[in-house]
Amino acid sequence: RPAFDALELTGRARTHVVEVAEPRCTLHRAVVQPFLRMRAAAAKAGLDLAPASSFRDFDRQVGIWNAKWEGRRPMLDRDGRPIDPATLSPARRVDAILTWSAAPGMSRHHWGTDLDVYDAAAVPAGYRLQLVPAEYAPDGPFARLSAWLDANMRRHGFFR
């Protein structure tokens, strides 16, 4: 099990993570080999398991939070549909942001153990990755990856 200190847990230190060259991402040192093994297993099934997002520090999480608060980044409801932040009270705006993004200092992405993945081989030409449930649903572009992850990720030490 990975161990963390307070600065690592809150994304204010990088002492626990390493840069991975291929695929390009930043992960907790204890997660690198399990992720690469899972990626290799996915490749045998014809999937290109790629990280869309991995470790992010506190400042990056602040940037995401503020961009959503200010309407410069999409804010989505629980079903992945866009919401106009200007229509929400401050408390509802916080709730809407927390649906998809942790508060700075509270994200598991700070740990380097959590990552968002997609099947790079299944991305249609000109497609903009959104990381919403519809993409992983039975009729979504990452349906096959979703089914594979459900069947295989636990044996590699991962869960949703």
C-alpha atoms as a PDB file:
ATOM      1  CA  ARG A   1       0.000   0.000   0.000  1.00  0.00           C
ATOM      2  CA  PRO A   2       1.247   3.469  -0.817  1.00  0.00           C
ATOM      3  CA  ALA A   3       2.149   5.657   2.157  1.00  0.00           C
ATOM      4  CA  PHE A   4       1.726   9.425   2.138  1.00  0.00           C
ATOM      5  CA  ASP A   5       2.596  12.437   4.232  1.00  0.00           C
ATOM      6  CA  ALA A   6       0.255  15.435   4.595  1.00  0.00           C
ATOM      7  CA  LEU A   7       1.852  17.424   1.777  1.00  0.00           C
ATOM      8  CA  GLU A   8       1.590  14.472  -0.603  1.00  0.00           C
ATOM      9  CA  LEU A   9      -2.041  13.814   0.338  1.00  0.00           C
ATOM     10  CA  THR A  10      -3.030  17.373  -0.468  1.00  0.00           C
ATOM     11  CA  GLY A  11      -1.066  17.753  -3.692  1.00  0.00           C
ATOM     12  CA  ARG A  12       1.506  20.149  -2.257  1.00  0.00           C
ATOM     13  CA  ALA A  13       4.437  17.772  -2.813  1.00  0.00           C
ATOM     14  CA  ARG A  14       5.599  15.518  -5.641  1.00  0.00           C
ATOM     15  CA  THR A  15       7.956  13.344  -3.591  1.00  0.00           C
ATOM     16  CA  HIS A  16       5.703  10.299  -3.971  1.00  0.00           C
ATOM     17  CA  VAL A  17       5.162  10.387  -7.748  1.00  0.00           C
ATOM     18  CA  VAL A  18       7.238   9.588 -10.813  1.00  0.00           C
ATOM     19  CA  GLU A  19       6.948  10.628 -14.437  1.00  0.00           C
ATOM     20  CA  VAL A  20       6.103   7.756 -16.766  1.00  0.00           C
ATOM     21  CA  ALA A  21       7.316   8.263 -20.340  1.00  0.00           C
ATOM     22  CA  GLU A  22       5.012   5.794 -22.115  1.00  0.00           C
ATOM     23  CA  PRO A  23       2.198   6.321 -21.751  1.00  0.00           C
ATOM     24  CA  ARG A  24       2.916   9.848 -20.584  1.00  0.00           C
ATOM     25  CA  CYS A  25       1.533  10.286 -17.069  1.00  0.00           C
ATOM     26  CA  THR A  26       2.558  10.885 -13.473  1.00  0.00           C
ATOM     27  CA  LEU A  27       1.792   8.162 -10.924  1.00  0.00           C
ATOM     28  CA  HIS A  28       2.604   7.169  -7.364  1.00  0.00           C
ATOM     29  CA  ARG A  29       5.762   5.097  -7.482  1.00  0.00           C
ATOM     30  CA  ALA A  30       3.869   2.044  -6.149  1.00  0.00           C
ATOM     31  CA  VAL A  31       1.229   2.327  -8.896  1.00  0.00           C
ATOM     32  CA  VAL A  32       3.495   2.498 -11.952  1.00  0.00           C
ATOM     33  CA  GLN A  33       4.139  -1.228 -12.424  1.00  0.00           C
ATOM     34  CA  PRO A  34       0.550  -2.347 -11.691  1.00  0.00           C
ATOM     35  CA  PHE A  35      -0.742   0.223 -14.183  1.00  0.00           C
ATOM     36  CA  LEU A  36       1.764  -0.808 -16.860  1.00  0.00           C
ATOM     37  CA  ARG A  37       0.857  -4.484 -16.339  1.00  0.00           C
ATOM     38  CA  MET A  38      -2.845  -3.634 -16.654  1.00  0.00           C
ATOM     39  CA  ARG A  39      -2.118  -1.613 -19.788  1.00  0.00           C
ATOM     40  CA  ALA A  40      -0.230  -4.563 -21.315  1.00  0.00           C
ATOM     41  CA  ALA A  41      -3.120  -6.903 -20.497  1.00  0.00           C
ATOM     42  CA  ALA A  42      -5.566  -4.466 -22.095  1.00  0.00           C
ATOM     43  CA  ALA A  43      -3.383  -4.332 -25.210  1.00  0.00           C
ATOM     44  CA  LYS A  44      -3.669  -8.127 -25.532  1.00  0.00           C
ATOM     45  CA  ALA A  45      -7.434  -7.583 -25.653  1.00  0.00           C
ATOM     46  CA  GLY A  46      -7.038  -4.994 -28.428  1.00  0.00           C
ATOM     47  CA  LEU A  47      -7.425  -1.926 -26.201  1.00  0.00           C
ATOM     48  CA  ASP A  48      -5.090   1.038 -25.988  1.00  0.00           C
ATOM     49  CA  LEU A  49      -5.524   1.894 -22.295  1.00  0.00           C
ATOM     50  CA  ALA A  50      -4.420   5.514 -22.076  1.00  0.00           C
ATOM     51  CA  PRO A  51      -4.422   7.949 -19.164  1.00  0.00           C
ATOM     52  CA  ALA A  52      -6.389  11.137 -19.778  1.00  0.00           C
ATOM     53  CA  SER A  53      -5.497  12.450 -16.337  1.00  0.00           C
ATOM     54  CA  SER A  54      -3.244  11.177 -13.573  1.00  0.00           C
ATOM     55  CA  PHE A  55      -1.462  12.998 -10.725  1.00  0.00           C
ATOM     56  CA  ARG A  56      -2.371  16.640 -10.420  1.00  0.00           C
ATOM     57  CA  ASP A  57      -1.038  19.004  -7.823  1.00  0.00           C
ATOM     58  CA  PHE A  58      -2.968  21.379  -5.591  1.00  0.00           C
ATOM     59  CA  ASP A  59      -2.528  24.358  -7.901  1.00  0.00           C
ATOM     60  CA  ARG A  60      -3.824  22.427 -10.917  1.00  0.00           C
ATOM     61  CA  GLN A  61      -6.888  21.375  -8.894  1.00  0.00           C
ATOM     62  CA  VAL A  62      -7.439  25.025  -7.906  1.00  0.00           C
ATOM     63  CA  GLY A  63      -7.320  25.946 -11.597  1.00  0.00           C
ATOM     64  CA  ILE A  64      -9.924  23.325 -12.494  1.00  0.00           C
ATOM     65  CA  TRP A  65     -12.169  24.383  -9.608  1.00  0.00           C
ATOM     66  CA  ASN A  66     -11.936  28.092 -10.408  1.00  0.00           C
ATOM     67  CA  ALA A  67     -12.507  27.562 -14.130  1.00  0.00           C
ATOM     68  CA  LYS A  68     -15.709  25.650 -13.374  1.00  0.00           C
ATOM     69  CA  TRP A  69     -16.821  28.236 -10.809  1.00  0.00           C
ATOM     70  CA  GLU A  70     -16.275  31.053 -13.303  1.00  0.00           C
ATOM     71  CA  GLY A  71     -17.889  29.219 -16.240  1.00  0.00           C
ATOM     72  CA  ARG A  72     -14.635  28.920 -18.224  1.00  0.00           C
ATOM     73  CA  ARG A  73     -14.780  25.138 -18.041  1.00  0.00           C
ATOM     74  CA  PRO A  74     -17.902  23.016 -18.519  1.00  0.00           C
ATOM     75  CA  MET A  75     -19.997  22.301 -15.439  1.00  0.00           C
ATOM     76  CA  LEU A  76     -22.086  19.146 -15.752  1.00  0.00           C
ATOM     77  CA  ASP A  77     -25.008  17.658 -13.881  1.00  0.00           C
ATOM     78  CA  ARG A  78     -24.954  14.088 -12.564  1.00  0.00           C
ATOM     79  CA  ASP A  79     -25.952  12.764 -15.995  1.00  0.00           C
ATOM     80  CA  GLY A  80     -23.199  14.650 -17.794  1.00  0.00           C
ATOM     81  CA  ARG A  81     -25.433  17.380 -19.201  1.00  0.00           C
ATOM     82  CA  PRO A  82     -24.142  20.985 -19.210  1.00  0.00           C
ATOM     83  CA  ILE A  83     -25.292  23.387 -16.478  1.00  0.00           C
ATOM     84  CA  ASP A  84     -25.040  27.176 -16.623  1.00  0.00           C
ATOM     85  CA  PRO A  85     -23.224  28.106 -13.389  1.00  0.00           C
ATOM     86  CA  ALA A  86     -24.792  31.574 -13.490  1.00  0.00           C
ATOM     87  CA  THR A  87     -28.181  29.975 -12.772  1.00  0.00           C
ATOM     88  CA  LEU A  88     -26.991  28.388  -9.516  1.00  0.00           C
ATOM     89  CA  SER A  89     -26.723  29.756  -6.003  1.00  0.00           C
ATOM     90  CA  PRO A  90     -23.197  29.557  -4.554  1.00  0.00           C
ATOM     91  CA  ALA A  91     -24.093  26.444  -2.520  1.00  0.00           C
ATOM     92  CA  ARG A  92     -25.600  24.681  -5.566  1.00  0.00           C
ATOM     93  CA  ARG A  93     -22.608  25.701  -7.664  1.00  0.00           C
ATOM     94  CA  VAL A  94     -20.283  24.059  -5.129  1.00  0.00           C
ATOM     95  CA  ASP A  95     -22.449  20.927  -5.172  1.00  0.00           C
ATOM     96  CA  ALA A  96     -22.411  20.842  -8.980  1.00  0.00           C
ATOM     97  CA  ILE A  97     -18.625  21.171  -9.119  1.00  0.00           C
ATOM     98  CA  LEU A  98     -18.199  18.474  -6.468  1.00  0.00           C
ATOM     99  CA  THR A  99     -20.192  16.068  -8.632  1.00  0.00           C
ATOM    100  CA  TRP A 100     -17.217  15.771 -10.983  1.00  0.00           C
ATOM    101  CA  SER A 101     -14.259  17.488  -9.300  1.00  0.00           C
ATOM    102  CA  ALA A 102     -12.871  17.269  -5.796  1.00  0.00           C
ATOM    103  CA  ALA A 103     -12.091  20.397  -3.848  1.00  0.00           C
ATOM    104  CA  PRO A 104      -8.420  21.409  -3.995  1.00  0.00           C
ATOM    105  CA  GLY A 105      -6.490  19.445  -1.389  1.00  0.00           C
ATOM    106  CA  MET A 106      -9.100  16.675  -1.389  1.00  0.00           C
ATOM    107  CA  SER A 107      -8.590  15.038  -4.794  1.00  0.00           C
ATOM    108  CA  ARG A 108      -7.315  11.477  -4.971  1.00  0.00           C
ATOM    109  CA  HIS A 109      -5.465  12.625  -8.088  1.00  0.00           C
ATOM    110  CA  HIS A 110      -3.108  14.345  -5.611  1.00  0.00           C
ATOM    111  CA  TRP A 111      -2.079  10.892  -4.466  1.00  0.00           C
ATOM    112  CA  GLY A 112      -0.967   9.728  -7.902  1.00  0.00           C
ATOM    113  CA  THR A 113      -2.985   6.543  -7.410  1.00  0.00           C
ATOM    114  CA  ASP A 114      -6.084   7.677  -9.319  1.00  0.00           C
ATOM    115  CA  LEU A 115      -6.243   8.210 -13.017  1.00  0.00           C
ATOM    116  CA  ASP A 116      -8.902   8.685 -15.668  1.00  0.00           C
ATOM    117  CA  VAL A 117      -8.465   6.317 -18.598  1.00  0.00           C
ATOM    118  CA  TYR A 118      -9.874   5.835 -22.064  1.00  0.00           C
ATOM    119  CA  ASP A 119      -9.258   3.589 -25.080  1.00  0.00           C
ATOM    120  CA  ALA A 120      -7.094   5.676 -27.405  1.00  0.00           C
ATOM    121  CA  ALA A 121      -7.733   3.174 -30.218  1.00  0.00           C
ATOM    122  CA  ALA A 122     -11.480   3.834 -30.011  1.00  0.00           C
ATOM    123  CA  VAL A 123     -11.377   7.621 -30.243  1.00  0.00           C
ATOM    124  CA  PRO A 124     -13.204   8.672 -33.403  1.00  0.00           C
ATOM    125  CA  ALA A 125     -11.427  11.153 -35.689  1.00  0.00           C
ATOM    126  CA  GLY A 126     -11.928  14.710 -34.492  1.00  0.00           C
ATOM    127  CA  TYR A 127     -13.506  13.549 -31.233  1.00  0.00           C
ATOM    128  CA  ARG A 128     -13.050  15.622 -28.061  1.00  0.00           C
ATOM    129  CA  LEU A 129     -12.653  13.421 -24.986  1.00  0.00           C
ATOM    130  CA  GLN A 130     -15.134  14.377 -22.246  1.00  0.00           C
ATOM    131  CA  LEU A 131     -14.792  11.623 -19.608  1.00  0.00           C
ATOM    132  CA  VAL A 132     -18.545  11.457 -19.018  1.00  0.00           C
ATOM    133  CA  PRO A 133     -20.625   8.331 -18.301  1.00  0.00           C
ATOM    134  CA  ALA A 134     -22.129   8.289 -21.811  1.00  0.00           C
ATOM    135  CA  GLU A 135     -18.687   7.584 -23.290  1.00  0.00           C
ATOM    136  CA  TYR A 136     -18.420   4.381 -21.228  1.00  0.00           C
ATOM    137  CA  ALA A 137     -22.074   3.316 -21.639  1.00  0.00           C
ATOM    138  CA  PRO A 138     -22.991   0.317 -23.842  1.00  0.00           C
ATOM    139  CA  ASP A 139     -23.381   2.556 -26.905  1.00  0.00           C
ATOM    140  CA  GLY A 140     -20.406   4.832 -26.115  1.00  0.00           C
ATOM    141  CA  PRO A 141     -16.993   4.786 -27.785  1.00  0.00           C
ATOM    142  CA  PHE A 142     -15.376   3.275 -24.675  1.00  0.00           C
ATOM    143  CA  ALA A 143     -17.973   0.591 -23.962  1.00  0.00           C
ATOM    144  CA  ARG A 144     -15.526  -2.225 -24.711  1.00  0.00           C
ATOM    145  CA  LEU A 145     -12.933  -0.670 -22.396  1.00  0.00           C
ATOM    146  CA  SER A 146     -15.530  -0.247 -19.671  1.00  0.00           C
ATOM    147  CA  ALA A 147     -16.509  -3.928 -19.868  1.00  0.00           C
ATOM    148  CA  TRP A 148     -12.858  -4.982 -19.888  1.00  0.00           C
ATOM    149  CA  LEU A 149     -12.085  -2.821 -16.862  1.00  0.00           C
ATOM    150  CA  ASP A 150     -15.077  -4.242 -14.971  1.00  0.00           C
ATOM    151  CA  ALA A 151     -13.771  -7.752 -15.623  1.00  0.00           C
ATOM    152  CA  ASN A 152     -10.045  -7.138 -15.126  1.00  0.00           C
ATOM    153  CA  MET A 153      -9.045  -4.042 -13.169  1.00  0.00           C
ATOM    154  CA  ARG A 154      -9.324  -5.582  -9.708  1.00  0.00           C
ATOM    155  CA  ARG A 155      -6.777  -8.265 -10.504  1.00  0.00           C
ATOM    156  CA  HIS A 156      -4.332  -5.409 -11.175  1.00  0.00           C
ATOM    157  CA  GLY A 157      -5.210  -3.606  -7.944  1.00  0.00           C
ATOM    158  CA  PHE A 158      -7.533  -0.941  -9.386  1.00  0.00           C
ATOM    159  CA  PHE A 159     -11.170  -0.069  -8.833  1.00  0.00           C
ATOM    160  CA  ARG A 160     -13.620   2.608  -9.950  1.00  0.00           C
END
